[in-house]
Amino acid sequence: MKPVHFEGSSQEDLRALPKEVRIVVGFQLDRLQRGQEPKNWKPLRGLGNGVSGVREIRIEIRTNIYRSAYVTTFGEAIVVLHCWNKKTDKTAASDKRLIVERYKSAKATFS
């Protein structure tokens, strides 16, 4: 089973989300650890040059949208970069900046 590494405050951010969301994210990360794809995911594009392979687990509970950005291309680890409550259809620039910053940090650690 692949280990899960939480970059920056992503684990605390996940813990701050509602319990229902934490359960779903945990289940989807377990699927990744076992070599399966999450049930609802997509590539996260538009992060800039040098950032590739970032995906997001997509969760919708009632009228709320939650995301968990992760990358699996750094060695054997699954690296969770960011967990957040998405307020609009587009990913906010501040969330993208944070994901890129954590991606670069994780790449330096795992590459």
C-alpha atoms as a PDB file:
ATOM      1  CA  MET A   1       0.000   0.000   0.000  1.00  0.00           C
ATOM      2  CA  LYS A   2       1.291   3.451  -0.904  1.00  0.00           C
ATOM      3  CA  PRO A   3       1.860   5.865   1.983  1.00  0.00           C
ATOM      4  CA  VAL A   4      -0.029   9.166   2.128  1.00  0.00           C
ATOM      5  CA  HIS A   5       1.921  12.350   2.840  1.00  0.00           C
ATOM      6  CA  PHE A   6       0.137  15.615   3.664  1.00  0.00           C
ATOM      7  CA  GLU A   7       2.057  18.657   2.457  1.00  0.00           C
ATOM      8  CA  GLY A   8       1.875  21.898   4.444  1.00  0.00           C
ATOM      9  CA  SER A   9      -1.352  22.309   6.401  1.00  0.00           C
ATOM     10  CA  SER A  10      -3.381  20.045   4.104  1.00  0.00           C
ATOM     11  CA  GLN A  11      -4.065  17.522   6.884  1.00  0.00           C
ATOM     12  CA  GLU A  12      -5.277  20.254   9.240  1.00  0.00           C
ATOM     13  CA  ASP A  13      -7.336  21.728   6.398  1.00  0.00           C
ATOM     14  CA  LEU A  14      -8.943  18.322   5.830  1.00  0.00           C
ATOM     15  CA  ARG A  15      -9.662  17.949   9.551  1.00  0.00           C
ATOM     16  CA  ALA A  16     -11.436  21.330   9.496  1.00  0.00           C
ATOM     17  CA  LEU A  17     -13.934  20.122   6.872  1.00  0.00           C
ATOM     18  CA  PRO A  18     -17.249  18.489   7.847  1.00  0.00           C
ATOM     19  CA  LYS A  19     -17.112  14.875   9.017  1.00  0.00           C
ATOM     20  CA  GLU A  20     -18.986  13.627   5.920  1.00  0.00           C
ATOM     21  CA  VAL A  21     -16.311  15.151   3.695  1.00  0.00           C
ATOM     22  CA  ARG A  22     -13.453  13.709   5.757  1.00  0.00           C
ATOM     23  CA  ILE A  23     -14.967  10.237   5.475  1.00  0.00           C
ATOM     24  CA  VAL A  24     -15.315  10.491   1.688  1.00  0.00           C
ATOM     25  CA  VAL A  25     -11.792  11.884   1.210  1.00  0.00           C
ATOM     26  CA  GLY A  26     -10.396   9.139   3.447  1.00  0.00           C
ATOM     27  CA  PHE A  27     -12.199   6.470   1.435  1.00  0.00           C
ATOM     28  CA  GLN A  28     -10.926   7.920  -1.853  1.00  0.00           C
ATOM     29  CA  LEU A  29      -7.344   8.147  -0.539  1.00  0.00           C
ATOM     30  CA  ASP A  30      -7.627   4.506   0.532  1.00  0.00           C
ATOM     31  CA  ARG A  31      -8.619   3.624  -3.049  1.00  0.00           C
ATOM     32  CA  LEU A  32      -5.509   5.423  -4.297  1.00  0.00           C
ATOM     33  CA  GLN A  33      -3.340   3.581  -1.790  1.00  0.00           C
ATOM     34  CA  ARG A  34      -4.689   0.301  -3.167  1.00  0.00           C
ATOM     35  CA  GLY A  35      -3.915   1.269  -6.765  1.00  0.00           C
ATOM     36  CA  GLN A  36      -7.461   2.242  -7.762  1.00  0.00           C
ATOM     37  CA  GLU A  37      -8.764   5.556  -9.046  1.00  0.00           C
ATOM     38  CA  PRO A  38     -11.003   7.727  -6.864  1.00  0.00           C
ATOM     39  CA  LYS A  39     -14.697   7.581  -7.762  1.00  0.00           C
ATOM     40  CA  ASN A  40     -14.892  11.229  -8.874  1.00  0.00           C
ATOM     41  CA  TRP A  41     -11.683  12.960  -9.924  1.00  0.00           C
ATOM     42  CA  LYS A  42     -10.237  15.067 -12.701  1.00  0.00           C
ATOM     43  CA  PRO A  43      -6.862  16.521 -13.646  1.00  0.00           C
ATOM     44  CA  LEU A  44      -6.261  19.968 -12.207  1.00  0.00           C
ATOM     45  CA  ARG A  45      -5.012  22.087 -15.084  1.00  0.00           C
ATOM     46  CA  GLY A  46      -3.792  25.643 -15.450  1.00  0.00           C
ATOM     47  CA  LEU A  47      -1.267  25.544 -12.632  1.00  0.00           C
ATOM     48  CA  GLY A  48       1.691  26.732 -14.703  1.00  0.00           C
ATOM     49  CA  ASN A  49       4.878  25.392 -16.227  1.00  0.00           C
ATOM     50  CA  GLY A  50       6.645  22.633 -14.379  1.00  0.00           C
ATOM     51  CA  VAL A  51       3.520  21.528 -12.494  1.00  0.00           C
ATOM     52  CA  SER A  52       1.997  18.341 -13.834  1.00  0.00           C
ATOM     53  CA  GLY A  53       0.137  15.298 -12.628  1.00  0.00           C
ATOM     54  CA  VAL A  54      -2.001  17.135 -10.076  1.00  0.00           C
ATOM     55  CA  ARG A  55      -5.500  15.703  -9.737  1.00  0.00           C
ATOM     56  CA  GLU A  56      -8.424  16.624  -7.582  1.00  0.00           C
ATOM     57  CA  ILE A  57     -10.903  14.448  -5.739  1.00  0.00           C
ATOM     58  CA  ARG A  58     -14.314  16.012  -6.294  1.00  0.00           C
ATOM     59  CA  ILE A  59     -16.954  15.868  -3.567  1.00  0.00           C
ATOM     60  CA  GLU A  60     -20.419  17.383  -3.572  1.00  0.00           C
ATOM     61  CA  ILE A  61     -22.556  17.183  -0.460  1.00  0.00           C
ATOM     62  CA  ARG A  62     -25.897  18.891  -0.688  1.00  0.00           C
ATOM     63  CA  THR A  63     -25.076  22.323  -2.148  1.00  0.00           C
ATOM     64  CA  ASN A  64     -21.422  22.396  -1.057  1.00  0.00           C
ATOM     65  CA  ILE A  65     -18.436  21.551  -3.240  1.00  0.00           C
ATOM     66  CA  TYR A  66     -15.201  20.255  -1.753  1.00  0.00           C
ATOM     67  CA  ARG A  67     -11.886  19.392  -3.370  1.00  0.00           C
ATOM     68  CA  SER A  68      -8.725  17.606  -2.376  1.00  0.00           C
ATOM     69  CA  ALA A  69      -5.713  18.131  -4.670  1.00  0.00           C
ATOM     70  CA  TYR A  70      -3.118  15.384  -4.763  1.00  0.00           C
ATOM     71  CA  VAL A  71      -0.254  14.036  -6.835  1.00  0.00           C
ATOM     72  CA  THR A  72       0.938  10.443  -7.231  1.00  0.00           C
ATOM     73  CA  THR A  73       3.996  10.959  -9.419  1.00  0.00           C
ATOM     74  CA  PHE A  74       6.541  11.560  -6.640  1.00  0.00           C
ATOM     75  CA  GLY A  75       8.029   8.152  -5.900  1.00  0.00           C
ATOM     76  CA  GLU A  76       5.728   5.769  -4.098  1.00  0.00           C
ATOM     77  CA  ALA A  77       3.874   8.355  -2.023  1.00  0.00           C
ATOM     78  CA  ILE A  78       0.473   9.903  -2.549  1.00  0.00           C
ATOM     79  CA  VAL A  79       0.968  13.568  -1.711  1.00  0.00           C
ATOM     80  CA  VAL A  80      -2.084  15.559  -0.620  1.00  0.00           C
ATOM     81  CA  LEU A  81      -1.423  19.179  -1.537  1.00  0.00           C
ATOM     82  CA  HIS A  82      -4.601  20.988  -0.487  1.00  0.00           C
ATOM     83  CA  CYS A  83      -8.135  20.357   0.832  1.00  0.00           C
ATOM     84  CA  TRP A  84     -10.761  23.069   0.588  1.00  0.00           C
ATOM     85  CA  ASN A  85     -14.393  24.085   0.256  1.00  0.00           C
ATOM     86  CA  LYS A  86     -14.828  25.403  -3.268  1.00  0.00           C
ATOM     87  CA  LYS A  87     -17.065  28.477  -3.464  1.00  0.00           C
ATOM     88  CA  THR A  88     -17.348  28.947  -7.259  1.00  0.00           C
ATOM     89  CA  ASP A  89     -17.113  26.875 -10.445  1.00  0.00           C
ATOM     90  CA  LYS A  90     -13.520  27.975 -10.996  1.00  0.00           C
ATOM     91  CA  THR A  91     -10.652  27.188  -8.664  1.00  0.00           C
ATOM     92  CA  ALA A  92      -9.619  30.426  -6.954  1.00  0.00           C
ATOM     93  CA  ALA A  93      -6.215  31.888  -7.815  1.00  0.00           C
ATOM     94  CA  SER A  94      -5.230  31.728  -4.128  1.00  0.00           C
ATOM     95  CA  ASP A  95      -5.966  27.984  -4.043  1.00  0.00           C
ATOM     96  CA  LYS A  96      -3.958  27.455  -7.247  1.00  0.00           C
ATOM     97  CA  ARG A  97      -0.984  29.383  -5.825  1.00  0.00           C
ATOM     98  CA  LEU A  98      -1.058  27.290  -2.666  1.00  0.00           C
ATOM     99  CA  ILE A  99      -1.214  24.046  -4.665  1.00  0.00           C
ATOM    100  CA  VAL A 100       1.747  25.125  -6.833  1.00  0.00           C
ATOM    101  CA  GLU A 101       3.779  26.144  -3.769  1.00  0.00           C
ATOM    102  CA  ARG A 102       3.123  22.810  -2.072  1.00  0.00           C
ATOM    103  CA  TYR A 103       3.757  20.895  -5.305  1.00  0.00           C
ATOM    104  CA  LYS A 104       7.217  22.441  -5.577  1.00  0.00           C
ATOM    105  CA  SER A 105       7.951  21.688  -1.924  1.00  0.00           C
ATOM    106  CA  ALA A 106       6.828  18.063  -2.297  1.00  0.00           C
ATOM    107  CA  LYS A 107       8.777  17.647  -5.525  1.00  0.00           C
ATOM    108  CA  ALA A 108      11.960  18.790  -3.756  1.00  0.00           C
ATOM    109  CA  THR A 109      11.277  16.333  -0.939  1.00  0.00           C
ATOM    110  CA  PHE A 110      10.319  13.260  -2.976  1.00  0.00           C
ATOM    111  CA  SER A 111      12.358  13.633  -6.174  1.00  0.00           C
END
